[in-house]
N, C-alpha and C. Protein backbone atom coordinates (compact mmCIF):
# COMPACT_ATOMS: atom_id res chain seq x y z
N MET A 1 -13.20 -18.52 -33.57
CA MET A 1 -12.38 -17.39 -34.15
C MET A 1 -11.33 -17.06 -32.99
N SER A 2 -10.06 -16.92 -33.20
CA SER A 2 -9.15 -16.55 -32.23
C SER A 2 -9.20 -15.11 -31.85
N LYS A 3 -8.78 -14.89 -30.59
CA LYS A 3 -9.02 -13.51 -30.03
C LYS A 3 -7.65 -12.65 -30.07
N ASN A 4 -7.94 -11.39 -29.99
CA ASN A 4 -6.80 -10.35 -29.87
C ASN A 4 -7.12 -9.73 -28.51
N VAL A 5 -6.16 -9.87 -27.63
CA VAL A 5 -6.26 -9.15 -26.35
C VAL A 5 -5.55 -7.82 -26.28
N VAL A 6 -6.13 -6.74 -25.96
CA VAL A 6 -5.45 -5.51 -25.91
C VAL A 6 -5.19 -5.29 -24.33
N LEU A 7 -3.91 -5.48 -23.98
CA LEU A 7 -3.56 -5.42 -22.56
C LEU A 7 -3.06 -3.88 -22.28
N GLY A 8 -3.84 -3.26 -21.35
CA GLY A 8 -3.58 -1.86 -21.07
C GLY A 8 -4.57 -1.02 -21.64
N ALA A 9 -5.77 -1.59 -22.04
CA ALA A 9 -6.89 -0.95 -22.68
C ALA A 9 -7.38 0.20 -21.86
N SER A 10 -7.81 1.31 -22.59
CA SER A 10 -8.22 2.58 -21.89
C SER A 10 -9.67 2.87 -22.41
N PRO A 11 -10.55 3.32 -21.46
CA PRO A 11 -11.82 3.84 -21.99
C PRO A 11 -11.60 5.21 -22.66
N ASN A 12 -10.48 5.87 -22.59
CA ASN A 12 -10.31 7.19 -23.18
C ASN A 12 -10.05 7.19 -24.67
N PRO A 13 -10.99 7.62 -25.45
CA PRO A 13 -10.88 7.55 -26.88
C PRO A 13 -9.64 8.18 -27.50
N SER A 14 -8.86 8.97 -26.80
CA SER A 14 -7.64 9.58 -27.34
C SER A 14 -6.41 8.75 -27.17
N ARG A 15 -6.57 7.75 -26.33
CA ARG A 15 -5.50 6.78 -26.16
C ARG A 15 -5.42 5.63 -27.25
N TYR A 16 -4.11 5.34 -27.54
CA TYR A 16 -3.85 4.41 -28.76
C TYR A 16 -4.51 3.03 -28.42
N SER A 17 -4.49 2.62 -27.18
CA SER A 17 -5.09 1.33 -26.81
C SER A 17 -6.56 1.33 -27.19
N ASN A 18 -7.22 2.42 -27.02
CA ASN A 18 -8.76 2.48 -27.33
C ASN A 18 -8.84 2.54 -28.88
N LYS A 19 -7.89 3.25 -29.57
CA LYS A 19 -7.95 3.38 -31.06
C LYS A 19 -7.74 1.86 -31.62
N VAL A 20 -6.90 1.15 -31.08
CA VAL A 20 -6.57 -0.20 -31.80
C VAL A 20 -7.68 -1.11 -31.47
N VAL A 21 -8.40 -0.96 -30.37
CA VAL A 21 -9.63 -1.85 -30.13
C VAL A 21 -10.68 -1.46 -31.19
N ARG A 22 -10.96 -0.23 -31.46
CA ARG A 22 -11.89 0.23 -32.43
C ARG A 22 -11.48 -0.17 -33.85
N SER A 23 -10.16 -0.10 -34.04
CA SER A 23 -9.68 -0.55 -35.47
C SER A 23 -9.93 -2.07 -35.59
N LEU A 24 -9.60 -2.79 -34.64
CA LEU A 24 -9.82 -4.24 -34.71
C LEU A 24 -11.28 -4.57 -34.91
N LEU A 25 -12.17 -3.88 -34.22
CA LEU A 25 -13.51 -4.14 -34.40
C LEU A 25 -14.13 -3.77 -35.75
N LYS A 26 -13.60 -2.73 -36.25
CA LYS A 26 -13.93 -2.22 -37.54
C LYS A 26 -13.54 -3.30 -38.66
N ARG A 27 -12.45 -3.98 -38.37
CA ARG A 27 -11.96 -4.95 -39.35
C ARG A 27 -12.49 -6.37 -38.93
N GLU A 28 -13.54 -6.37 -38.07
CA GLU A 28 -14.25 -7.61 -37.71
C GLU A 28 -13.35 -8.64 -37.06
N HIS A 29 -12.30 -8.26 -36.26
CA HIS A 29 -11.47 -9.04 -35.41
C HIS A 29 -12.19 -9.13 -34.08
N GLU A 30 -12.08 -10.38 -33.47
CA GLU A 30 -12.57 -10.50 -32.19
C GLU A 30 -11.56 -9.90 -31.24
N VAL A 31 -12.02 -9.08 -30.32
CA VAL A 31 -11.07 -8.38 -29.46
C VAL A 31 -11.63 -8.27 -27.91
N VAL A 32 -10.65 -8.45 -27.11
CA VAL A 32 -10.93 -8.47 -25.69
C VAL A 32 -10.11 -7.44 -25.04
N PRO A 33 -10.74 -6.21 -24.68
CA PRO A 33 -9.80 -5.19 -23.98
C PRO A 33 -9.67 -5.60 -22.45
N VAL A 34 -8.41 -5.49 -21.98
CA VAL A 34 -8.12 -5.77 -20.56
C VAL A 34 -7.32 -4.48 -20.05
N GLY A 35 -7.87 -4.00 -18.92
CA GLY A 35 -7.25 -2.77 -18.47
C GLY A 35 -7.22 -2.64 -16.95
N THR A 36 -6.79 -1.49 -16.45
CA THR A 36 -6.78 -1.28 -15.03
C THR A 36 -7.88 -0.31 -14.59
N LYS A 37 -8.60 0.31 -15.42
CA LYS A 37 -9.67 1.26 -15.22
C LYS A 37 -10.96 0.61 -15.84
N PRO A 38 -12.16 0.72 -15.12
CA PRO A 38 -13.35 0.25 -15.70
C PRO A 38 -13.82 1.08 -16.77
N GLY A 39 -14.64 0.55 -17.59
CA GLY A 39 -15.18 1.35 -18.72
C GLY A 39 -15.53 0.47 -19.87
N GLU A 40 -15.74 1.05 -21.05
CA GLU A 40 -16.10 0.30 -22.21
C GLU A 40 -15.54 1.00 -23.47
N ILE A 41 -15.40 0.21 -24.53
CA ILE A 41 -14.94 0.76 -25.83
C ILE A 41 -15.96 0.08 -26.84
N LYS A 42 -16.63 1.16 -27.42
CA LYS A 42 -17.60 0.62 -28.53
C LYS A 42 -18.55 -0.42 -27.88
N GLU A 43 -19.02 -0.25 -26.74
CA GLU A 43 -20.01 -1.11 -25.95
C GLU A 43 -19.42 -2.45 -25.54
N ILE A 44 -18.09 -2.57 -25.67
CA ILE A 44 -17.50 -3.83 -25.18
C ILE A 44 -16.65 -3.43 -23.83
N GLU A 45 -17.11 -4.16 -22.71
CA GLU A 45 -16.60 -3.94 -21.52
C GLU A 45 -15.10 -4.24 -21.33
N ILE A 46 -14.40 -3.17 -20.62
CA ILE A 46 -12.99 -3.51 -20.45
C ILE A 46 -12.89 -4.43 -19.23
N LEU A 47 -12.25 -5.57 -19.45
CA LEU A 47 -12.15 -6.54 -18.33
C LEU A 47 -11.00 -6.09 -17.39
N MET A 48 -11.20 -6.33 -16.14
CA MET A 48 -10.13 -5.83 -15.11
C MET A 48 -9.28 -7.06 -14.73
N GLY A 49 -8.17 -6.82 -14.19
CA GLY A 49 -7.28 -7.78 -13.61
C GLY A 49 -6.65 -8.69 -14.67
N MET A 50 -6.54 -10.02 -14.50
CA MET A 50 -5.99 -10.91 -15.28
C MET A 50 -7.03 -12.03 -15.71
N PRO A 51 -7.99 -11.72 -16.48
CA PRO A 51 -9.12 -12.66 -16.74
C PRO A 51 -8.62 -13.90 -17.63
N ASP A 52 -9.24 -15.05 -17.42
CA ASP A 52 -8.89 -16.17 -18.21
C ASP A 52 -9.54 -15.98 -19.55
N ILE A 53 -8.81 -16.05 -20.64
CA ILE A 53 -9.25 -15.83 -21.95
C ILE A 53 -8.86 -17.00 -22.86
N PRO A 54 -9.74 -17.86 -23.32
CA PRO A 54 -9.35 -18.89 -24.19
C PRO A 54 -9.01 -18.46 -25.68
N ASP A 55 -8.38 -19.25 -26.41
CA ASP A 55 -8.16 -19.00 -27.85
C ASP A 55 -7.57 -17.80 -28.19
N VAL A 56 -6.49 -17.23 -27.53
CA VAL A 56 -5.91 -16.06 -27.78
C VAL A 56 -4.90 -16.19 -28.93
N ASP A 57 -4.98 -15.45 -29.89
CA ASP A 57 -3.97 -15.33 -31.05
C ASP A 57 -2.93 -14.27 -30.72
N THR A 58 -3.19 -13.12 -30.47
CA THR A 58 -2.38 -11.91 -30.30
C THR A 58 -2.67 -11.23 -29.05
N VAL A 59 -1.63 -10.81 -28.31
CA VAL A 59 -1.65 -9.90 -27.17
C VAL A 59 -1.01 -8.66 -27.70
N ILE A 60 -1.77 -7.49 -27.65
CA ILE A 60 -1.16 -6.09 -28.02
C ILE A 60 -0.94 -5.45 -26.78
N LEU A 61 0.40 -5.12 -26.49
CA LEU A 61 0.77 -4.50 -25.27
C LEU A 61 0.78 -2.99 -25.29
N TYR A 62 0.05 -2.40 -24.25
CA TYR A 62 0.02 -1.01 -24.05
C TYR A 62 0.38 -0.76 -22.57
N LEU A 63 1.42 -1.46 -22.08
CA LEU A 63 1.91 -1.29 -20.80
C LEU A 63 3.26 -0.97 -20.73
N ALA A 64 3.77 0.15 -20.01
CA ALA A 64 5.13 0.56 -19.94
C ALA A 64 6.00 -0.58 -19.48
N PRO A 65 7.14 -0.76 -19.76
CA PRO A 65 8.12 -1.80 -19.44
C PRO A 65 8.12 -2.05 -17.94
N GLY A 66 8.14 -0.95 -17.19
CA GLY A 66 8.15 -1.17 -15.71
C GLY A 66 6.85 -1.76 -15.13
N ARG A 67 5.76 -1.74 -15.85
CA ARG A 67 4.58 -2.34 -15.38
C ARG A 67 4.46 -3.73 -15.93
N GLN A 68 5.22 -4.19 -16.71
CA GLN A 68 5.02 -5.47 -17.38
C GLN A 68 5.40 -6.74 -16.51
N PRO A 69 6.41 -6.65 -15.68
CA PRO A 69 6.72 -7.86 -14.92
C PRO A 69 5.51 -8.54 -14.13
N ASP A 70 4.56 -7.76 -13.75
CA ASP A 70 3.39 -8.36 -13.05
C ASP A 70 2.55 -9.09 -14.03
N TYR A 71 2.82 -8.98 -15.26
CA TYR A 71 1.98 -9.70 -16.29
C TYR A 71 2.67 -10.69 -17.06
N TYR A 72 3.94 -10.94 -16.81
CA TYR A 72 4.68 -12.06 -17.54
C TYR A 72 3.94 -13.36 -17.56
N ASP A 73 3.73 -13.89 -16.27
CA ASP A 73 3.14 -15.17 -16.25
C ASP A 73 1.68 -15.18 -16.77
N TYR A 74 0.86 -14.07 -16.65
CA TYR A 74 -0.39 -13.99 -17.19
C TYR A 74 -0.34 -14.07 -18.80
N VAL A 75 0.43 -13.29 -19.33
CA VAL A 75 0.49 -13.32 -20.81
C VAL A 75 0.96 -14.62 -21.32
N ILE A 76 1.92 -15.26 -20.70
CA ILE A 76 2.34 -16.66 -21.14
C ILE A 76 1.20 -17.64 -20.99
N SER A 77 0.43 -17.43 -19.82
CA SER A 77 -0.66 -18.46 -19.53
C SER A 77 -1.78 -18.33 -20.59
N LEU A 78 -1.88 -17.23 -21.36
CA LEU A 78 -2.95 -17.09 -22.39
C LEU A 78 -2.43 -17.85 -23.67
N LYS A 79 -1.17 -18.22 -23.68
CA LYS A 79 -0.64 -19.02 -24.88
C LYS A 79 -0.81 -18.40 -26.21
N PRO A 80 -0.60 -17.06 -26.40
CA PRO A 80 -0.76 -16.45 -27.60
C PRO A 80 0.24 -16.88 -28.70
N ARG A 81 -0.12 -16.70 -29.94
CA ARG A 81 0.70 -17.01 -30.99
C ARG A 81 1.83 -15.99 -31.07
N ARG A 82 1.45 -14.73 -30.73
CA ARG A 82 2.43 -13.55 -30.74
C ARG A 82 2.05 -12.45 -29.85
N VAL A 83 2.97 -11.69 -29.43
CA VAL A 83 2.81 -10.51 -28.67
C VAL A 83 3.39 -9.28 -29.40
N ILE A 84 2.57 -8.31 -29.56
CA ILE A 84 3.00 -7.05 -30.25
C ILE A 84 3.53 -5.99 -29.16
N PHE A 85 4.70 -5.58 -29.34
CA PHE A 85 5.17 -4.58 -28.39
C PHE A 85 5.03 -3.35 -29.20
N ASN A 86 4.12 -2.41 -28.74
CA ASN A 86 3.97 -1.18 -29.48
C ASN A 86 5.08 -0.12 -29.07
N PRO A 87 5.31 0.91 -29.80
CA PRO A 87 6.35 1.91 -29.35
C PRO A 87 6.24 2.28 -27.84
N GLY A 88 7.30 2.25 -27.08
CA GLY A 88 7.30 2.66 -25.82
C GLY A 88 7.01 1.46 -24.81
N THR A 89 6.88 0.21 -25.37
CA THR A 89 6.65 -0.93 -24.55
C THR A 89 7.67 -2.05 -24.64
N THR A 90 8.61 -1.66 -25.54
CA THR A 90 9.79 -2.72 -25.77
C THR A 90 10.48 -3.06 -24.45
N ASN A 91 10.68 -4.33 -24.30
CA ASN A 91 11.17 -4.92 -23.04
C ASN A 91 11.96 -6.17 -23.29
N GLN A 92 13.21 -6.12 -23.54
CA GLN A 92 13.96 -7.32 -23.89
C GLN A 92 13.88 -8.45 -23.01
N GLU A 93 13.82 -8.17 -21.63
CA GLU A 93 13.56 -9.40 -20.79
C GLU A 93 12.35 -10.02 -21.02
N PHE A 94 11.24 -9.37 -21.24
CA PHE A 94 9.92 -10.01 -21.49
C PHE A 94 10.03 -10.76 -22.92
N MET A 95 10.58 -9.99 -23.89
CA MET A 95 10.73 -10.69 -25.17
C MET A 95 11.40 -12.04 -25.14
N ASP A 96 12.57 -12.06 -24.42
CA ASP A 96 13.37 -13.32 -24.26
C ASP A 96 12.56 -14.41 -23.55
N LEU A 97 11.79 -14.01 -22.60
CA LEU A 97 10.88 -14.94 -21.87
C LEU A 97 9.90 -15.60 -22.77
N LEU A 98 9.26 -14.70 -23.59
CA LEU A 98 8.25 -15.12 -24.57
C LEU A 98 8.85 -16.13 -25.65
N ASN A 99 10.03 -15.58 -26.15
CA ASN A 99 10.67 -16.37 -27.15
C ASN A 99 11.06 -17.75 -26.69
N GLU A 100 11.44 -17.86 -25.40
CA GLU A 100 11.73 -19.23 -24.78
C GLU A 100 10.62 -20.21 -24.82
N LYS A 101 9.42 -19.58 -24.70
CA LYS A 101 8.08 -20.28 -24.78
C LYS A 101 7.53 -20.55 -26.21
N ASP A 102 8.34 -20.12 -27.15
CA ASP A 102 7.93 -20.23 -28.71
C ASP A 102 6.76 -19.28 -28.88
N ILE A 103 6.78 -18.16 -28.23
CA ILE A 103 5.69 -17.20 -28.61
C ILE A 103 6.45 -15.99 -29.39
N LYS A 104 5.91 -15.77 -30.61
CA LYS A 104 6.54 -14.79 -31.40
C LYS A 104 6.39 -13.41 -30.88
N THR A 105 7.53 -12.51 -30.92
CA THR A 105 7.36 -11.16 -30.43
C THR A 105 7.52 -10.28 -31.67
N VAL A 106 6.82 -9.21 -31.73
CA VAL A 106 6.84 -8.26 -32.80
C VAL A 106 7.02 -6.88 -32.20
N GLU A 107 7.96 -6.15 -32.59
CA GLU A 107 8.20 -4.64 -32.24
C GLU A 107 7.57 -3.79 -33.36
N ASP A 108 6.35 -3.32 -33.11
CA ASP A 108 5.66 -2.46 -34.17
C ASP A 108 4.52 -1.84 -33.65
N CYS A 109 3.95 -0.99 -34.40
CA CYS A 109 2.68 -0.28 -33.88
C CYS A 109 1.49 -1.02 -34.53
N ALA A 110 0.69 -1.55 -33.61
CA ALA A 110 -0.45 -2.31 -34.05
C ALA A 110 -1.48 -1.63 -34.90
N LEU A 111 -1.57 -0.23 -34.70
CA LEU A 111 -2.46 0.56 -35.43
C LEU A 111 -1.93 0.69 -36.90
N ILE A 112 -0.65 0.92 -37.02
CA ILE A 112 -0.11 1.11 -38.39
C ILE A 112 -0.23 -0.30 -39.01
N MET A 113 0.06 -1.42 -38.46
CA MET A 113 0.00 -2.81 -38.97
C MET A 113 -1.45 -2.98 -39.49
N LEU A 114 -2.45 -2.62 -38.64
CA LEU A 114 -3.77 -2.79 -39.14
C LEU A 114 -4.18 -1.89 -40.30
N ASN A 115 -3.73 -0.65 -40.33
CA ASN A 115 -4.06 0.33 -41.34
C ASN A 115 -3.35 -0.12 -42.77
N SER A 116 -2.23 -0.68 -42.60
CA SER A 116 -1.37 -1.08 -43.86
C SER A 116 -1.73 -2.43 -44.30
N GLY A 117 -2.55 -3.29 -43.52
CA GLY A 117 -2.90 -4.64 -44.01
C GLY A 117 -1.82 -5.58 -43.60
N GLU A 118 -0.85 -5.20 -42.73
CA GLU A 118 0.17 -6.11 -42.29
C GLU A 118 -0.16 -7.01 -40.95
N TYR A 119 -1.32 -6.70 -40.50
CA TYR A 119 -1.73 -7.40 -39.21
C TYR A 119 -2.04 -8.78 -39.51
């Protein structure tokens, strides 16, 4: 099964990145939370740094545009089918880079996409 990487995952249950991890799990999607703070979400450890993750379908971004450049090469190296830019993460430079690599970019709220069946 292909994986969903939540980049910018937070152990704080009030954060949207945490909510989307729980929503993916509830819908039986395989999810890998990657963040800058240690912790876990529903007993799944948040991986730190830039871990090598095979078979990635979707990267869901929860990083502000100013923090994204450090992750450009990392996200491209995961070879995802698509990258979802949630509200507040839209970054045209990164979207252009991804599109050049034939990686689909989506500007939407992953949580709404999951709740509406559009995911």
